[in-house]
Structure formats: C-alpha cells, structure tokens
C-alpha atoms as a PDB file:
ATOM      1  CA  MET A   1     -38.201  39.324  42.303  1.00  0.00           C
ATOM      2  CA  ASN A   2     -41.382  37.329  42.229  1.00  0.00           C
ATOM      3  CA  LEU A   3     -42.763  36.614  45.723  1.00  0.00           C
ATOM      4  CA  ASN A   4     -44.362  33.432  44.419  1.00  0.00           C
ATOM      5  CA  PHE A   5     -40.866  31.977  44.024  1.00  0.00           C
ATOM      6  CA  PHE A   6     -40.303  32.204  47.775  1.00  0.00           C
ATOM      7  CA  LEU A   7     -43.806  31.073  48.732  1.00  0.00           C
ATOM      8  CA  MET A   8     -43.718  28.064  46.374  1.00  0.00           C
ATOM      9  CA  ASP A   9     -47.493  27.684  46.325  1.00  0.00           C
ATOM     10  CA  GLY A  10     -47.688  27.407  50.115  1.00  0.00           C
ATOM     11  CA  HIS A  11     -44.785  24.973  50.475  1.00  0.00           C
ATOM     12  CA  GLY A  12     -42.129  27.656  50.875  1.00  0.00           C
ATOM     13  CA  ILE A  13     -42.240  27.671  54.662  1.00  0.00           C
ATOM     14  CA  TYR A  14     -41.319  23.973  54.733  1.00  0.00           C
ATOM     15  CA  VAL A  15     -38.689  24.211  52.009  1.00  0.00           C
ATOM     16  CA  TRP A  16     -36.910  27.280  53.374  1.00  0.00           C
ATOM     17  CA  SER A  17     -37.068  26.120  57.006  1.00  0.00           C
ATOM     18  CA  SER A  18     -35.616  22.749  55.967  1.00  0.00           C
ATOM     19  CA  PHE A  19     -32.892  24.501  54.014  1.00  0.00           C
ATOM     20  CA  LEU A  20     -32.087  26.748  56.974  1.00  0.00           C
ATOM     21  CA  LEU A  21     -32.022  23.823  59.402  1.00  0.00           C
ATOM     22  CA  THR A  22     -29.747  21.777  57.132  1.00  0.00           C
ATOM     23  CA  PHE A  23     -27.385  24.703  56.612  1.00  0.00           C
ATOM     24  CA  SER A  24     -27.274  25.386  60.369  1.00  0.00           C
ATOM     25  CA  VAL A  25     -26.482  21.765  61.223  1.00  0.00           C
ATOM     26  CA  CYS A  26     -23.747  21.589  58.574  1.00  0.00           C
ATOM     27  CA  LEU A  27     -22.220  24.840  59.809  1.00  0.00           C
ATOM     28  CA  PHE A  28     -22.300  23.612  63.416  1.00  0.00           C
ATOM     29  CA  LEU A  29     -20.621  20.312  62.473  1.00  0.00           C
ATOM     30  CA  PHE A  30     -17.980  22.133  60.434  1.00  0.00           C
ATOM     31  CA  LEU A  31     -17.123  24.524  63.260  1.00  0.00           C
ATOM     32  CA  LYS A  32     -17.053  21.742  65.852  1.00  0.00           C
ATOM     33  CA  THR A  33     -14.824  19.561  63.672  1.00  0.00           C
ATOM     34  CA  ARG A  34     -12.459  22.465  62.994  1.00  0.00           C
ATOM     35  CA  LYS A  35     -12.202  23.194  66.727  1.00  0.00           C
ATOM     36  CA  ILE A  36     -11.391  19.554  67.504  1.00  0.00           C
ATOM     37  CA  LEU A  37      -8.810  19.443  64.713  1.00  0.00           C
ATOM     38  CA  LYS A  38      -7.051  22.566  66.014  1.00  0.00           C
ATOM     39  CA  LYS A  39      -6.974  21.078  69.523  1.00  0.00           C
ATOM     40  CA  LEU A  40      -5.531  17.781  68.260  1.00  0.00           C
ATOM     41  CA  GLU A  41      -2.904  19.590  66.194  1.00  0.00           C
ATOM     42  CA  LYS A  42      -1.929  21.678  69.219  1.00  0.00           C
ATOM     43  CA  ASP A  43      -1.661  18.539  71.368  1.00  0.00           C
ATOM     44  CA  PHE A  44       0.443  16.874  68.694  1.00  0.00           C
ATOM     45  CA  ILE A  45       2.832  19.823  68.497  1.00  0.00           C
ATOM     46  CA  GLU A  46       3.189  19.834  72.281  1.00  0.00           C
ATOM     47  CA  GLU A  47       4.003  16.115  72.234  1.00  0.00           C
ATOM     48  CA  THR A  48       6.598  16.540  69.500  1.00  0.00           C
ATOM     49  CA  GLU A  49       8.350  19.229  71.526  1.00  0.00           C
ATOM     50  CA  ASN A  50       8.959  16.657  74.266  1.00  0.00           C
ATOM     51  CA  LEU A  51      10.652  14.171  71.937  1.00  0.00           C
ATOM     52  CA  SER A  52      14.386  13.721  71.706  1.00  0.00           C
ATOM     53  CA  LYS A  53      16.148  15.082  68.620  1.00  0.00           C
ATOM     54  CA  GLU A  54      16.566  11.606  67.178  1.00  0.00           C
ATOM     55  CA  GLN A  55      12.892  10.747  67.628  1.00  0.00           C
ATOM     56  CA  PHE A  56      11.888  14.085  66.168  1.00  0.00           C
ATOM     57  CA  SER A  57      14.077  13.644  63.089  1.00  0.00           C
ATOM     58  CA  ASP A  58      12.576  10.199  62.502  1.00  0.00           C
ATOM     59  CA  LEU A  59       9.141  11.665  62.894  1.00  0.00           C
ATOM     60  CA  LYS A  60       9.823  14.456  60.393  1.00  0.00           C
ATOM     61  CA  LYS A  61      10.558  11.861  57.695  1.00  0.00           C
ATOM     62  CA  GLN A  62       6.930  10.745  57.628  1.00  0.00           C
ATOM     63  CA  LYS A  63       4.775  12.445  55.010  1.00  0.00           C
ATOM     64  CA  ILE A  64       1.703  13.125  57.163  1.00  0.00           C
ATOM     65  CA  ILE A  65       3.848  14.660  59.882  1.00  0.00           C
ATOM     66  CA  LYS A  66       5.386  17.064  57.380  1.00  0.00           C
ATOM     67  CA  GLU A  67       1.927  18.248  56.393  1.00  0.00           C
ATOM     68  CA  ILE A  68       0.907  18.818  60.012  1.00  0.00           C
ATOM     69  CA  LEU A  69       4.094  20.685  60.845  1.00  0.00           C
ATOM     70  CA  VAL A  70       3.801  22.875  57.756  1.00  0.00           C
ATOM     71  CA  SER A  71       0.179  23.724  58.530  1.00  0.00           C
ATOM     72  CA  GLN A  72       1.172  24.664  62.084  1.00  0.00           C
ATOM     73  CA  SER A  73       3.973  26.937  60.930  1.00  0.00           C
ATOM     74  CA  LYS A  74       1.510  28.873  58.717  1.00  0.00           C
ATOM     75  CA  ASN A  75      -0.676  29.743  61.732  1.00  0.00           C
END
C-alpha cells in the first residue's frame, strides 16, 4: 500500500489522530451507556419481583415492559 496515503502530504498525523480520538470517545460513550442500561434493567427487574401478582399482570400488558422482560430472559 502506498505510504503517501497514510501521510496525506504531512496532514496524516492530524487526520489519523482525530479519527482515533473520535473513535475512542464514541466507544467510551457506547460502553458507558450500555453499562447504565444494564444496571437500569436489573433495577427494573428487581422492582417487578416485589410487585403483587395483580400489579405484575397489569404491567406485563404494556408493550415496552414486554420488550424489557424479553430482553432480560435472553441474558
């Protein structure tokens, strides 16, 4: 591969460092968001276990709750 492609006439250091920084920040935000989501889902499941059967059956009728419960059962 042509080394000039990576050097970009002397601008490569700025381009590739910017790309690396952007990728690193996006990866960090993704991992942090995923960790928070897992914690919130775990807290939600713990709260639903403390509900009465009637409250839980009413809760299961809601669409978003079904999606959360299904995603938890896959893990």
